[in-house]
PDB file of N, CA and C in Angstrom:
ATOM      1  N   UNK A   1    -117.122-117.287 -81.071  1.00  0.00           N
ATOM      2  CA  UNK A   1    -116.662-117.322 -82.454  1.00  0.00           C
ATOM      3  C   UNK A   1    -116.237-118.744 -82.815  1.00  0.00           C
ATOM      4  N   UNK A   2    -116.071-118.981 -84.093  1.00  0.00           N
ATOM      5  CA  UNK A   2    -115.696-120.304 -84.587  1.00  0.00           C
ATOM      6  C   UNK A   2    -114.230-120.588 -84.265  1.00  0.00           C
ATOM      7  N   UNK A   3    -113.943-121.837 -83.957  1.00  0.00           N
ATOM      8  CA  UNK A   3    -112.562-122.227 -83.687  1.00  0.00           C
ATOM      9  C   UNK A   3    -111.778-122.280 -84.990  1.00  0.00           C
ATOM     10  N   UNK A   4    -110.470-122.120 -84.916  1.00  0.00           N
ATOM     11  CA  UNK A   4    -109.644-122.221 -86.125  1.00  0.00           C
ATOM     12  C   UNK A   4    -109.818-123.569 -86.843  1.00  0.00           C
ATOM     13  N   UNK A   5    -110.031-124.647 -86.083  1.00  0.00           N
ATOM     14  CA  UNK A   5    -110.225-125.961 -86.692  1.00  0.00           C
ATOM     15  C   UNK A   5    -111.501-125.983 -87.543  1.00  0.00           C
ATOM     16  N   UNK A   6    -112.599-125.450 -87.017  1.00  0.00           N
ATOM     17  CA  UNK A   6    -113.858-125.405 -87.765  1.00  0.00           C
ATOM     18  C   UNK A   6    -113.688-124.566 -89.023  1.00  0.00           C
ATOM     19  N   UNK A   7    -113.013-123.438 -88.900  1.00  0.00           N
ATOM     20  CA  UNK A   7    -112.789-122.585 -90.065  1.00  0.00           C
ATOM     21  C   UNK A   7    -111.973-123.309 -91.131  1.00  0.00           C
ATOM     22  N   UNK A   8    -110.966-124.080 -90.706  1.00  0.00           N
ATOM     23  CA  UNK A   8    -110.149-124.832 -91.653  1.00  0.00           C
ATOM     24  C   UNK A   8    -110.954-125.944 -92.320  1.00  0.00           C
ATOM     25  N   UNK A   9    -111.801-126.618 -91.554  1.00  0.00           N
ATOM     26  CA  UNK A   9    -112.663-127.663 -92.123  1.00  0.00           C
ATOM     27  C   UNK A   9    -113.624-127.046 -93.143  1.00  0.00           C
ATOM     28  N   UNK A  10    -114.209-125.901 -92.835  1.00  0.00           N
ATOM     29  CA  UNK A  10    -115.129-125.243 -93.774  1.00  0.00           C
ATOM     30  C   UNK A  10    -114.391-124.818 -95.043  1.00  0.00           C
ATOM     31  N   UNK A  11    -113.151-124.380 -94.894  1.00  0.00           N
ATOM     32  CA  UNK A  11    -112.346-124.036 -96.065  1.00  0.00           C
ATOM     33  C   UNK A  11    -112.117-125.280 -96.927  1.00  0.00           C
ATOM     34  N   UNK A  12    -111.837-126.412 -96.291  1.00  0.00           N
ATOM     35  CA  UNK A  12    -111.640-127.670 -97.014  1.00  0.00           C
ATOM     36  C   UNK A  12    -112.905-128.122 -97.723  1.00  0.00           C
ATOM     37  N   UNK A  13    -114.053-128.021 -97.063  1.00  0.00           N
ATOM     38  CA  UNK A  13    -115.326-128.388 -97.680  1.00  0.00           C
ATOM     39  C   UNK A  13    -115.592-127.498 -98.890  1.00  0.00           C
ATOM     40  N   UNK A  14    -115.341-126.213 -98.741  1.00  0.00           N
ATOM     41  CA  UNK A  14    -115.525-125.274 -99.848  1.00  0.00           C
ATOM     42  C   UNK A  14    -114.644-125.644-101.029  1.00  0.00           C
ATOM     43  N   UNK A  15    -113.419-126.011-100.753  1.00  0.00           N
ATOM     44  CA  UNK A  15    -112.487-126.398-101.805  1.00  0.00           C
ATOM     45  C   UNK A  15    -112.947-127.670-102.514  1.00  0.00           C
ATOM     46  N   UNK A  16    -113.367-128.668-101.762  1.00  0.00           N
ATOM     47  CA  UNK A  16    -113.827-129.938-102.333  1.00  0.00           C
ATOM     48  C   UNK A  16    -115.070-129.735-103.194  1.00  0.00           C
ATOM     49  N   UNK A  17    -116.000-128.913-102.720  1.00  0.00           N
ATOM     50  CA  UNK A  17    -117.252-128.698-103.451  1.00  0.00           C
ATOM     51  C   UNK A  17    -117.118-127.668-104.573  1.00  0.00           C
ATOM     52  N   UNK A  18    -116.021-126.926-104.565  1.00  0.00           N
ATOM     53  CA  UNK A  18    -115.841-125.892-105.580  1.00  0.00           C
ATOM     54  C   UNK A  18    -116.763-124.705-105.369  1.00  0.00           C
ATOM     55  N   UNK A  19    -116.965-124.328-104.108  1.00  0.00           N
ATOM     56  CA  UNK A  19    -117.833-123.188-103.798  1.00  0.00           C
ATOM     57  C   UNK A  19    -116.997-121.962-103.433  1.00  0.00           C
ATOM     58  N   UNK A  20    -117.620-120.796-103.547  1.00  0.00           N
ATOM     59  CA  UNK A  20    -116.941-119.549-103.183  1.00  0.00           C
ATOM     60  C   UNK A  20    -116.815-119.409-101.674  1.00  0.00           C
ATOM     61  N   UNK A  21    -117.828-119.856-100.955  1.00  0.00           N
ATOM     62  CA  UNK A  21    -117.855-119.753 -99.494  1.00  0.00           C
ATOM     63  C   UNK A  21    -118.504-120.996 -98.912  1.00  0.00           C
ATOM     64  N   UNK A  22    -118.221-121.241 -97.649  1.00  0.00           N
ATOM     65  CA  UNK A  22    -118.868-122.334 -96.935  1.00  0.00           C
ATOM     66  C   UNK A  22    -119.043-121.898 -95.485  1.00  0.00           C
ATOM     67  N   UNK A  23    -120.234-122.118 -94.938  1.00  0.00           N
ATOM     68  CA  UNK A  23    -120.540-121.674 -93.586  1.00  0.00           C
ATOM     69  C   UNK A  23    -121.134-122.817 -92.790  1.00  0.00           C
ATOM     70  N   UNK A  24    -120.781-122.897 -91.518  1.00  0.00           N
ATOM     71  CA  UNK A  24    -121.377-123.853 -90.597  1.00  0.00           C
ATOM     72  C   UNK A  24    -122.300-123.085 -89.661  1.00  0.00           C
ATOM     73  N   UNK A  25    -123.611-123.338 -89.774  1.00  0.00           N
ATOM     74  CA  UNK A  25    -124.595-122.727 -88.882  1.00  0.00           C
ATOM     75  C   UNK A  25    -124.841-123.704 -87.744  1.00  0.00           C
ATOM     76  N   UNK A  26    -124.476-123.313 -86.534  1.00  0.00           N
ATOM     77  CA  UNK A  26    -124.562-124.170 -85.355  1.00  0.00           C
ATOM     78  C   UNK A  26    -125.877-123.918 -84.625  1.00  0.00           C
ATOM     79  N   UNK A  27    -126.491-125.006 -84.178  1.00  0.00           N
ATOM     80  CA  UNK A  27    -127.761-124.909 -83.460  1.00  0.00           C
ATOM     81  C   UNK A  27    -127.522-124.535 -81.998  1.00  0.00           C
ATOM     82  N   UNK A  28    -128.331-123.592 -81.507  1.00  0.00           N
ATOM     83  CA  UNK A  28    -128.378-123.276 -80.086  1.00  0.00           C
ATOM     84  C   UNK A  28    -129.762-123.702 -79.602  1.00  0.00           C
ATOM     85  N   UNK A  29    -129.871-124.898 -78.987  1.00  0.00           N
ATOM     86  CA  UNK A  29    -131.179-125.413 -78.592  1.00  0.00           C
ATOM     87  C   UNK A  29    -131.914-124.538 -77.582  1.00  0.00           C
ATOM     88  N   UNK A  30    -131.180-123.808 -76.748  1.00  0.00           N
ATOM     89  CA  UNK A  30    -131.821-122.955 -75.737  1.00  0.00           C
ATOM     90  C   UNK A  30    -132.571-121.794 -76.371  1.00  0.00           C
ATOM     91  N   UNK A  31    -131.974-121.170 -77.383  1.00  0.00           N
ATOM     92  CA  UNK A  31    -132.609-120.007 -78.013  1.00  0.00           C
ATOM     93  C   UNK A  31    -133.360-120.369 -79.292  1.00  0.00           C
ATOM     94  N   UNK A  32    -133.216-121.637 -79.721  1.00  0.00           N
ATOM     95  CA  UNK A  32    -133.817-122.100 -80.981  1.00  0.00           C
ATOM     96  C   UNK A  32    -133.358-121.242 -82.163  1.00  0.00           C
ATOM     97  N   UNK A  33    -132.042-120.964 -82.150  1.00  0.00           N
ATOM     98  CA  UNK A  33    -131.420-120.174 -83.198  1.00  0.00           C
ATOM     99  C   UNK A  33    -130.323-120.984 -83.886  1.00  0.00           C
ATOM    100  N   UNK A  34    -130.042-120.634 -85.141  1.00  0.00           N
ATOM    101  CA  UNK A  34    -128.844-121.089 -85.817  1.00  0.00           C
ATOM    102  C   UNK A  34    -127.905-119.887 -85.850  1.00  0.00           C
ATOM    103  N   UNK A  35    -126.618-120.125 -85.669  1.00  0.00           N
ATOM    104  CA  UNK A  35    -125.681-118.998 -85.678  1.00  0.00           C
ATOM    105  C   UNK A  35    -124.371-119.397 -86.358  1.00  0.00           C
ATOM    106  N   UNK A  36    -123.702-118.399 -86.848  1.00  0.00           N
ATOM    107  CA  UNK A  36    -122.365-118.565 -87.436  1.00  0.00           C
ATOM    108  C   UNK A  36    -121.664-117.223 -87.332  1.00  0.00           C
ATOM    109  N   UNK A  37    -120.363-117.260 -87.487  1.00  0.00           N
ATOM    110  CA  UNK A  37    -119.620-116.015 -87.596  1.00  0.00           C
ATOM    111  C   UNK A  37    -119.079-115.915 -89.017  1.00  0.00           C
ATOM    112  N   UNK A  38    -118.914-114.692 -89.459  1.00  0.00           N
ATOM    113  CA  UNK A  38    -118.437-114.439 -90.815  1.00  0.00           C
ATOM    114  C   UNK A  38    -117.485-113.255 -90.779  1.00  0.00           C
ATOM    115  N   UNK A  39    -116.527-113.274 -91.655  1.00  0.00           N
ATOM    116  CA  UNK A  39    -115.624-112.124 -91.789  1.00  0.00           C
ATOM    117  C   UNK A  39    -116.191-111.203 -92.856  1.00  0.00           C
ATOM    118  N   UNK A  40    -116.317-109.928 -92.530  1.00  0.00           N
ATOM    119  CA  UNK A  40    -116.739-108.921 -93.497  1.00  0.00           C
ATOM    120  C   UNK A  40    -115.787-107.748 -93.344  1.00  0.00           C
ATOM    121  N   UNK A  41    -115.029-107.526 -94.409  1.00  0.00           N
ATOM    122  CA  UNK A  41    -113.923-106.568 -94.360  1.00  0.00           C
ATOM    123  C   UNK A  41    -112.986-107.028 -93.248  1.00  0.00           C
ATOM    124  N   UNK A  42    -112.691-106.227 -92.250  1.00  0.00           N
ATOM    125  CA  UNK A  42    -111.796-106.661 -91.169  1.00  0.00           C
ATOM    126  C   UNK A  42    -112.554-106.985 -89.887  1.00  0.00           C
ATOM    127  N   UNK A  43    -113.848-107.173 -89.994  1.00  0.00           N
ATOM    128  CA  UNK A  43    -114.689-107.351 -88.817  1.00  0.00           C
ATOM    129  C   UNK A  43    -115.315-108.748 -88.817  1.00  0.00           C
ATOM    130  N   UNK A  44    -115.379-109.361 -87.627  1.00  0.00           N
ATOM    131  CA  UNK A  44    -116.084-110.626 -87.483  1.00  0.00           C
ATOM    132  C   UNK A  44    -117.524-110.312 -87.120  1.00  0.00           C
ATOM    133  N   UNK A  45    -118.448-110.889 -87.885  1.00  0.00           N
ATOM    134  CA  UNK A  45    -119.869-110.583 -87.734  1.00  0.00           C
ATOM    135  C   UNK A  45    -120.607-111.842 -87.288  1.00  0.00           C
ATOM    136  N   UNK A  46    -121.520-111.689 -86.340  1.00  0.00           N
ATOM    137  CA  UNK A  46    -122.379-112.784 -85.910  1.00  0.00           C
ATOM    138  C   UNK A  46    -123.636-112.785 -86.772  1.00  0.00           C
ATOM    139  N   UNK A  47    -123.949-113.935 -87.338  1.00  0.00           N
ATOM    140  CA  UNK A  47    -125.190-114.122 -88.082  1.00  0.00           C
ATOM    141  C   UNK A  47    -126.023-115.097 -87.263  1.00  0.00           C
ATOM    142  N   UNK A  48    -127.210-114.692 -86.849  1.00  0.00           N
ATOM    143  CA  UNK A  48    -128.085-115.607 -86.127  1.00  0.00           C
ATOM    144  C   UNK A  48    -129.531-115.377 -86.546  1.00  0.00           C
ATOM    145  N   UNK A  49    -130.300-116.442 -86.515  1.00  0.00           N
ATOM    146  CA  UNK A  49    -131.701-116.372 -86.944  1.00  0.00           C
ATOM    147  C   UNK A  49    -132.443-117.593 -86.402  1.00  0.00           C
ATOM    148  N   UNK A  50    -133.779-117.533 -86.364  1.00  0.00           N
ATOM    149  CA  UNK A  50    -134.562-118.669 -85.871  1.00  0.00           C
ATOM    150  C   UNK A  50    -134.262-119.938 -86.682  1.00  0.00           C
ATOM    151  N   UNK A  51    -134.169-121.061 -85.986  1.00  0.00           N
ATOM    152  CA  UNK A  51    -133.752-122.312 -86.619  1.00  0.00           C
ATOM    153  C   UNK A  51    -134.789-122.912 -87.566  1.00  0.00           C
ATOM    154  N   UNK A  52    -135.912-122.242 -87.748  1.00  0.00           N
ATOM    155  CA  UNK A  52    -136.906-122.732 -88.700  1.00  0.00           C
ATOM    156  C   UNK A  52    -137.093-121.766 -89.879  1.00  0.00           C
ATOM    157  N   UNK A  53    -136.151-120.837 -90.063  1.00  0.00           N
ATOM    158  CA  UNK A  53    -136.285-119.854 -91.136  1.00  0.00           C
ATOM    159  C   UNK A  53    -135.123-119.942 -92.116  1.00  0.00           C
ATOM    160  N   UNK A  54    -135.370-119.503 -93.327  1.00  0.00           N
ATOM    161  CA  UNK A  54    -134.350-119.487 -94.354  1.00  0.00           C
ATOM    162  C   UNK A  54    -134.057-120.889 -94.875  1.00  0.00           C
ATOM    163  N   UNK A  55    -133.139-120.970 -95.819  1.00  0.00           N
ATOM    164  CA  UNK A  55    -132.767-122.259 -96.391  1.00  0.00           C
ATOM    165  C   UNK A  55    -132.098-123.158 -95.355  1.00  0.00           C
ATOM    166  N   UNK A  56    -131.218-122.583 -94.538  1.00  0.00           N
ATOM    167  CA  UNK A  56    -130.557-123.369 -93.490  1.00  0.00           C
ATOM    168  C   UNK A  56    -131.581-123.864 -92.472  1.00  0.00           C
ATOM    169  N   UNK A  57    -132.554-123.043 -92.140  1.00  0.00           N
ATOM    170  CA  UNK A  57    -133.618-123.466 -91.225  1.00  0.00           C
ATOM    171  C   UNK A  57    -134.448-124.595 -91.803  1.00  0.00           C
ATOM    172  N   UNK A  58    -134.693-124.542 -93.108  1.00  0.00           N
ATOM    173  CA  UNK A  58    -135.428-125.623 -93.772  1.00  0.00           C
ATOM    174  C   UNK A  58    -134.643-126.930 -93.661  1.00  0.00           C
ATOM    175  N   UNK A  59    -133.352-126.881 -93.920  1.00  0.00           N
ATOM    176  CA  UNK A  59    -132.500-128.074 -93.812  1.00  0.00           C
ATOM    177  C   UNK A  59    -132.477-128.569 -92.375  1.00  0.00           C
ATOM    178  N   UNK A  60    -132.383-127.643 -91.426  1.00  0.00           N
ATOM    179  CA  UNK A  60    -132.341-128.004 -90.011  1.00  0.00           C
ATOM    180  C   UNK A  60    -133.624-128.726 -89.595  1.00  0.00           C
ATOM    181  N   UNK A  61    -134.780-128.220 -90.002  1.00  0.00           N
ATOM    182  CA  UNK A  61    -136.047-128.804 -89.548  1.00  0.00           C
ATOM    183  C   UNK A  61    -136.433-130.068 -90.322  1.00  0.00           C
ATOM    184  N   UNK A  62    -136.075-130.148 -91.604  1.00  0.00           N
ATOM    185  CA  UNK A  62    -136.456-131.325 -92.403  1.00  0.00           C
ATOM    186  C   UNK A  62    -135.401-132.418 -92.384  1.00  0.00           C
ATOM    187  N   UNK A  63    -134.162-132.059 -91.997  1.00  0.00           N
ATOM    188  CA  UNK A  63    -133.040-133.011 -91.957  1.00  0.00           C
ATOM    189  C   UNK A  63    -132.685-133.523 -93.347  1.00  0.00           C
ATOM    190  N   UNK A  64    -132.979-132.738 -94.379  1.00  0.00           N
ATOM    191  CA  UNK A  64    -132.722-133.145 -95.755  1.00  0.00           C
ATOM    192  C   UNK A  64    -131.737-132.200 -96.428  1.00  0.00           C
ATOM    193  N   UNK A  65    -130.942-132.754 -97.336  1.00  0.00           N
ATOM    194  CA  UNK A  65    -130.022-131.955 -98.150  1.00  0.00           C
ATOM    195  C   UNK A  65    -130.853-131.092 -99.092  1.00  0.00           C
ATOM    196  N   UNK A  66    -130.385-129.874 -99.323  1.00  0.00           N
ATOM    197  CA  UNK A  66    -131.095-128.937-100.191  1.00  0.00           C
ATOM    198  C   UNK A  66    -130.118-128.369-101.205  1.00  0.00           C
ATOM    199  N   UNK A  67    -130.471-128.447-102.482  1.00  0.00           N
ATOM    200  CA  UNK A  67    -129.652-127.914-103.568  1.00  0.00           C
ATOM    201  C   UNK A  67    -130.495-126.886-104.308  1.00  0.00           C
ATOM    202  N   UNK A  68    -130.144-125.610-104.161  1.00  0.00           N
ATOM    203  CA  UNK A  68    -130.916-124.520-104.758  1.00  0.00           C
ATOM    204  C   UNK A  68    -130.090-123.881-105.864  1.00  0.00           C
ATOM    205  N   UNK A  69    -130.609-123.920-107.078  1.00  0.00           N
ATOM    206  CA  UNK A  69    -129.887-123.390-108.239  1.00  0.00           C
ATOM    207  C   UNK A  69    -130.089-121.893-108.429  1.00  0.00           C
ATOM    208  N   UNK A  70    -131.167-121.335-107.867  1.00  0.00           N
ATOM    209  CA  UNK A  70    -131.443-119.901-107.981  1.00  0.00           C
ATOM    210  C   UNK A  70    -132.097-119.432-106.684  1.00  0.00           C
ATOM    211  N   UNK A  71    -131.273-118.942-105.770  1.00  0.00           N
ATOM    212  CA  UNK A  71    -131.760-118.585-104.432  1.00  0.00           C
ATOM    213  C   UNK A  71    -132.892-117.566-104.449  1.00  0.00           C
ATOM    214  N   UNK A  72    -132.794-116.577-105.322  1.00  0.00           N
ATOM    215  CA  UNK A  72    -133.785-115.508-105.305  1.00  0.00           C
ATOM    216  C   UNK A  72    -135.150-115.949-105.824  1.00  0.00           C
ATOM    217  N   UNK A  73    -135.215-117.097-106.486  1.00  0.00           N
ATOM    218  CA  UNK A  73    -136.518-117.597-106.929  1.00  0.00           C
ATOM    219  C   UNK A  73    -137.108-118.591-105.923  1.00  0.00           C
ATOM    220  N   UNK A  74    -136.365-118.885-104.840  1.00  0.00           N
ATOM    221  CA  UNK A  74    -136.848-119.816-103.822  1.00  0.00           C
ATOM    222  C   UNK A  74    -137.460-119.031-102.668  1.00  0.00           C
ATOM    223  N   UNK A  75    -138.748-119.254-102.369  1.00  0.00           N
ATOM    224  CA  UNK A  75    -139.412-118.474-101.308  1.00  0.00           C
ATOM    225  C   UNK A  75    -138.833-118.693 -99.913  1.00  0.00           C
ATOM    226  N   UNK A  76    -138.079-119.766 -99.718  1.00  0.00           N
ATOM    227  CA  UNK A  76    -137.459-120.022 -98.403  1.00  0.00           C
ATOM    228  C   UNK A  76    -136.205-119.191 -98.183  1.00  0.00           C
ATOM    229  N   UNK A  77    -135.661-118.630 -99.246  1.00  0.00           N
ATOM    230  CA  UNK A  77    -134.418-117.860 -99.150  1.00  0.00           C
ATOM    231  C   UNK A  77    -134.666-116.577 -98.371  1.00  0.00           C
ATOM    232  N   UNK A  78    -133.800-116.300 -97.414  1.00  0.00           N
ATOM    233  CA  UNK A  78    -133.901-115.079 -96.608  1.00  0.00           C
ATOM    234  C   UNK A  78    -132.495-114.586 -96.296  1.00  0.00           C
ATOM    235  N   UNK A  79    -132.358-113.290 -96.181  1.00  0.00           N
ATOM    236  CA  UNK A  79    -131.083-112.687 -95.819  1.00  0.00           C
ATOM    237  C   UNK A  79    -131.216-112.190 -94.388  1.00  0.00           C
ATOM    238  N   UNK A  80    -130.270-112.608 -93.532  1.00  0.00           N
ATOM    239  CA  UNK A  80    -130.338-112.268 -92.113  1.00  0.00           C
ATOM    240  C   UNK A  80    -129.174-111.377 -91.698  1.00  0.00           C
ATOM    241  N   UNK A  81    -129.420-110.580 -90.669  1.00  0.00           N
ATOM    242  CA  UNK A  81    -128.405-109.730 -90.048  1.00  0.00           C
ATOM    243  C   UNK A  81    -127.667-108.889 -91.076  1.00  0.00           C
ATOM    244  N   UNK A  82    -126.343-108.774 -90.923  1.00  0.00           N
ATOM    245  CA  UNK A  82    -125.585-107.880 -91.778  1.00  0.00           C
ATOM    246  C   UNK A  82    -125.304-108.432 -93.140  1.00  0.00           C
ATOM    247  N   UNK A  83    -125.760-109.616 -93.443  1.00  0.00           N
ATOM    248  CA  UNK A  83    -125.569-110.104 -94.803  1.00  0.00           C
ATOM    249  C   UNK A  83    -126.188-109.097 -95.770  1.00  0.00           C
ATOM    250  N   UNK A  84    -127.187-108.345 -95.294  1.00  0.00           N
ATOM    251  CA  UNK A  84    -127.835-107.350 -96.142  1.00  0.00           C
ATOM    252  C   UNK A  84    -126.863-106.244 -96.541  1.00  0.00           C
ATOM    253  N   UNK A  85    -125.907-105.940 -95.671  1.00  0.00           N
ATOM    254  CA  UNK A  85    -124.938-104.889 -95.962  1.00  0.00           C
ATOM    255  C   UNK A  85    -123.766-105.378 -96.793  1.00  0.00           C
ATOM    256  N   UNK A  86    -123.671-106.657 -96.969  1.00  0.00           N
ATOM    257  CA  UNK A  86    -122.585-107.263 -97.739  1.00  0.00           C
ATOM    258  C   UNK A  86    -122.911-107.137 -99.225  1.00  0.00           C
ATOM    259  N   UNK A  87    -121.946-106.719-100.019  1.00  0.00           N
ATOM    260  CA  UNK A  87    -122.171-106.566-101.462  1.00  0.00           C
ATOM    261  C   UNK A  87    -122.168-107.917-102.160  1.00  0.00           C
ATOM    262  N   UNK A  88    -121.870-108.976-101.445  1.00  0.00           N
ATOM    263  CA  UNK A  88    -121.775-110.326-101.989  1.00  0.00           C
ATOM    264  C   UNK A  88    -123.156-110.817-102.444  1.00  0.00           C
ATOM    265  N   UNK A  89    -123.240-111.392-103.642  1.00  0.00           N
ATOM    266  CA  UNK A  89    -124.496-111.901-104.166  1.00  0.00           C
ATOM    267  C   UNK A  89    -124.519-113.420-104.060  1.00  0.00           C
ATOM    268  N   UNK A  90    -125.525-113.941-103.388  1.00  0.00           N
ATOM    269  CA  UNK A  90    -125.700-115.383-103.257  1.00  0.00           C
ATOM    270  C   UNK A  90    -126.576-115.849-104.416  1.00  0.00           C
ATOM    271  N   UNK A  91    -126.061-116.803-105.203  1.00  0.00           N
ATOM    272  CA  UNK A  91    -126.814-117.317-106.348  1.00  0.00           C
ATOM    273  C   UNK A  91    -127.271-118.750-106.115  1.00  0.00           C
ATOM    274  N   UNK A  92    -126.332-119.621-105.706  1.00  0.00           N
ATOM    275  CA  UNK A  92    -126.626-121.040-105.522  1.00  0.00           C
ATOM    276  C   UNK A  92    -126.203-121.489-104.134  1.00  0.00           C
ATOM    277  N   UNK A  93    -126.926-122.472-103.596  1.00  0.00           N
ATOM    278  CA  UNK A  93    -126.607-123.004-102.266  1.00  0.00           C
ATOM    279  C   UNK A  93    -126.781-124.514-102.269  1.00  0.00           C
ATOM    280  N   UNK A  94    -125.828-125.192-101.643  1.00  0.00           N
ATOM    281  CA  UNK A  94    -125.950-126.606-101.324  1.00  0.00           C
ATOM    282  C   UNK A  94    -125.813-126.691 -99.807  1.00  0.00           C
ATOM    283  N   UNK A  95    -126.854-127.189 -99.140  1.00  0.00           N
ATOM    284  CA  UNK A  95    -126.851-127.244 -97.679  1.00  0.00           C
ATOM    285  C   UNK A  95    -127.219-128.642 -97.199  1.00  0.00           C
ATOM    286  N   UNK A  96    -126.600-129.055 -96.087  1.00  0.00           N
ATOM    287  CA  UNK A  96    -126.852-130.381 -95.533  1.00  0.00           C
ATOM    288  C   UNK A  96    -126.828-130.326 -94.007  1.00  0.00           C
ATOM    289  N   UNK A  97    -127.652-131.161 -93.374  1.00  0.00           N
ATOM    290  CA  UNK A  97    -127.642-131.198 -91.906  1.00  0.00           C
ATOM    291  C   UNK A  97    -126.419-131.959 -91.393  1.00  0.00           C
ATOM    292  N   UNK A  98    -125.949-131.560 -90.234  1.00  0.00           N
ATOM    293  CA  UNK A  98    -124.902-132.284 -89.515  1.00  0.00           C
ATOM    294  C   UNK A  98    -125.608-132.946 -88.336  1.00  0.00           C
ATOM    295  N   UNK A  99    -125.717-134.268 -88.396  1.00  0.00           N
ATOM    296  CA  UNK A  99    -126.523-135.008 -87.424  1.00  0.00           C
ATOM    297  C   UNK A  99    -125.625-135.762 -86.452  1.00  0.00           C
ATOM    298  N   UNK A 100    -125.927-135.638 -85.153  1.00  0.00           N
ATOM    299  CA  UNK A 100    -125.185-136.348 -84.111  1.00  0.00           C
ATOM    300  C   UNK A 100    -125.385-137.849 -84.329  1.00  0.00           C
ATOM    301  N   UNK A 101    -124.297-138.629 -84.423  1.00  0.00           N
ATOM    302  CA  UNK A 101    -124.434-140.048 -84.770  1.00  0.00           C
ATOM    303  C   UNK A 101    -125.121-140.898 -83.707  1.00  0.00           C
ATOM    304  N   UNK A 102    -125.036-140.512 -82.454  1.00  0.00           N
ATOM    305  CA  UNK A 102    -125.642-141.317 -81.387  1.00  0.00           C
ATOM    306  C   UNK A 102    -127.038-140.811 -81.014  1.00  0.00           C
ATOM    307  N   UNK A 103    -127.167-139.490 -80.883  1.00  0.00           N
ATOM    308  CA  UNK A 103    -128.430-138.901 -80.439  1.00  0.00           C
ATOM    309  C   UNK A 103    -129.394-138.638 -81.595  1.00  0.00           C
ATOM    310  N   UNK A 104    -128.891-138.697 -82.818  1.00  0.00           N
ATOM    311  CA  UNK A 104    -129.665-138.466 -84.025  1.00  0.00           C
ATOM    312  C   UNK A 104    -130.389-137.116 -84.045  1.00  0.00           C
ATOM    313  N   UNK A 105    -129.797-136.118 -83.420  1.00  0.00           N
ATOM    314  CA  UNK A 105    -130.355-134.764 -83.489  1.00  0.00           C
ATOM    315  C   UNK A 105    -129.465-133.914 -84.378  1.00  0.00           C
ATOM    316  N   UNK A 106    -130.055-132.905 -84.998  1.00  0.00           N
ATOM    317  CA  UNK A 106    -129.297-132.032 -85.879  1.00  0.00           C
ATOM    318  C   UNK A 106    -128.492-131.059 -85.022  1.00  0.00           C
ATOM    319  N   UNK A 107    -127.186-131.050 -85.229  1.00  0.00           N
ATOM    320  CA  UNK A 107    -126.284-130.166 -84.493  1.00  0.00           C
ATOM    321  C   UNK A 107    -126.049-128.857 -85.227  1.00  0.00           C
ATOM    322  N   UNK A 108    -126.043-128.942 -86.564  1.00  0.00           N
ATOM    323  CA  UNK A 108    -125.674-127.781 -87.366  1.00  0.00           C
ATOM    324  C   UNK A 108    -126.120-128.010 -88.808  1.00  0.00           C
ATOM    325  N   UNK A 109    -125.927-126.983 -89.606  1.00  0.00           N
ATOM    326  CA  UNK A 109    -126.161-127.060 -91.048  1.00  0.00           C
ATOM    327  C   UNK A 109    -124.914-126.522 -91.728  1.00  0.00           C
ATOM    328  N   UNK A 110    -124.357-127.307 -92.651  1.00  0.00           N
ATOM    329  CA  UNK A 110    -123.229-126.836 -93.446  1.00  0.00           C
ATOM    330  C   UNK A 110    -123.800-126.335 -94.769  1.00  0.00           C
ATOM    331  N   UNK A 111    -123.377-125.143 -95.158  1.00  0.00           N
ATOM    332  CA  UNK A 111    -123.950-124.491 -96.337  1.00  0.00           C
ATOM    333  C   UNK A 111    -122.841-123.980 -97.252  1.00  0.00           C
ATOM    334  N   UNK A 112    -122.769-124.555 -98.446  1.00  0.00           N
ATOM    335  CA  UNK A 112    -121.828-124.100 -99.467  1.00  0.00           C
ATOM    336  C   UNK A 112    -122.556-123.108-100.364  1.00  0.00           C
ATOM    337  N   UNK A 113    -121.874-122.015-100.695  1.00  0.00           N
ATOM    338  CA  UNK A 113    -122.507-120.927-101.445  1.00  0.00           C
ATOM    339  C   UNK A 113    -121.765-120.693-102.759  1.00  0.00           C
ATOM    340  N   UNK A 114    -122.531-120.558-103.816  1.00  0.00           N
ATOM    341  CA  UNK A 114    -122.045-120.184-105.151  1.00  0.00           C
ATOM    342  C   UNK A 114    -121.019-121.154-105.702  1.00  0.00           C
ATOM    343  N   UNK A 115    -121.504-122.174-106.373  1.00  0.00           N
ATOM    344  CA  UNK A 115    -120.644-123.122-107.079  1.00  0.00           C
ATOM    345  C   UNK A 115    -119.880-122.355-108.156  1.00  0.00           C
ATOM    346  N   UNK A 116    -118.579-122.479-108.147  1.00  0.00           N
ATOM    347  CA  UNK A 116    -117.751-121.801-109.145  1.00  0.00           C
ATOM    348  C   UNK A 116    -118.075-122.410-110.512  1.00  0.00           C
ATOM    349  N   UNK A 117    -118.460-121.570-111.444  1.00  0.00           N
ATOM    350  CA  UNK A 117    -118.719-122.019-112.809  1.00  0.00           C
ATOM    351  C   UNK A 117    -120.082-122.627-113.052  1.00  0.00           C
ATOM    352  N   UNK A 118    -121.026-122.477-112.137  1.00  0.00           N
ATOM    353  CA  UNK A 118    -122.340-123.026-112.415  1.00  0.00           C
ATOM    354  C   UNK A 118    -123.158-123.334-111.175  1.00  0.00           C
ATOM    355  N   UNK A 119    -123.750-124.525-111.156  1.00  0.00           N
ATOM    356  CA  UNK A 119    -124.602-124.935-110.038  1.00  0.00           C
ATOM    357  C   UNK A 119    -124.067-126.227-109.438  1.00  0.00           C
ATOM    358  N   UNK A 120    -124.460-126.506-108.211  1.00  0.00           N
ATOM    359  CA  UNK A 120    -124.073-127.746-107.550  1.00  0.00           C
ATOM    360  C   UNK A 120    -124.837-128.898-108.205  1.00  0.00           C
ATOM    361  N   UNK A 121    -124.183-130.041-108.342  1.00  0.00           N
ATOM    362  CA  UNK A 121    -124.817-131.187-108.998  1.00  0.00           C
ATOM    363  C   UNK A 121    -124.952-132.363-108.060  1.00  0.00           C
ATOM    364  N   UNK A 122    -124.953-132.119-106.765  1.00  0.00           N
ATOM    365  CA  UNK A 122    -125.071-133.214-105.783  1.00  0.00           C
ATOM    366  C   UNK A 122    -126.482-133.737-105.723  1.00  0.00           C
TER     367      UNK A 122
END
C-alpha cells in the first residue's frame, strides 16, 4: 500500500492543481504493470493494469504530459479493476510521468482527476 507520505504529497498535488482526486501509479518493472491503491468506502483497493494501457499507460510509454478534457471521448481511456464499481465519474485528467533524474527511466505516473470548475489548463 501507499505510504502516508505519498498520500500526503498526492493530497497536496490535488490541492495545488484544484482536482477532485490525485493518484500516483507506480511502475513495477518485473510485471510490467502500473499500480496504485485507492480508498473506496472503508476499503483499500488495489488498481493495477499493464503499463502500456489506458491514459496512464500512454503517459508512461510516451513520457509526455497528457491533458484530456473529455475522458470518454478519448479512445485511450480505460477503466480498470474496481473503478468500474465506483459511482465516481471521471471527466478530465491531467497526467505526467515521474522520471528518475539519474537513470532517466519512468518510475510512476501522477494523475489528477476532475478539475474543479472546468478543465485543466496546463
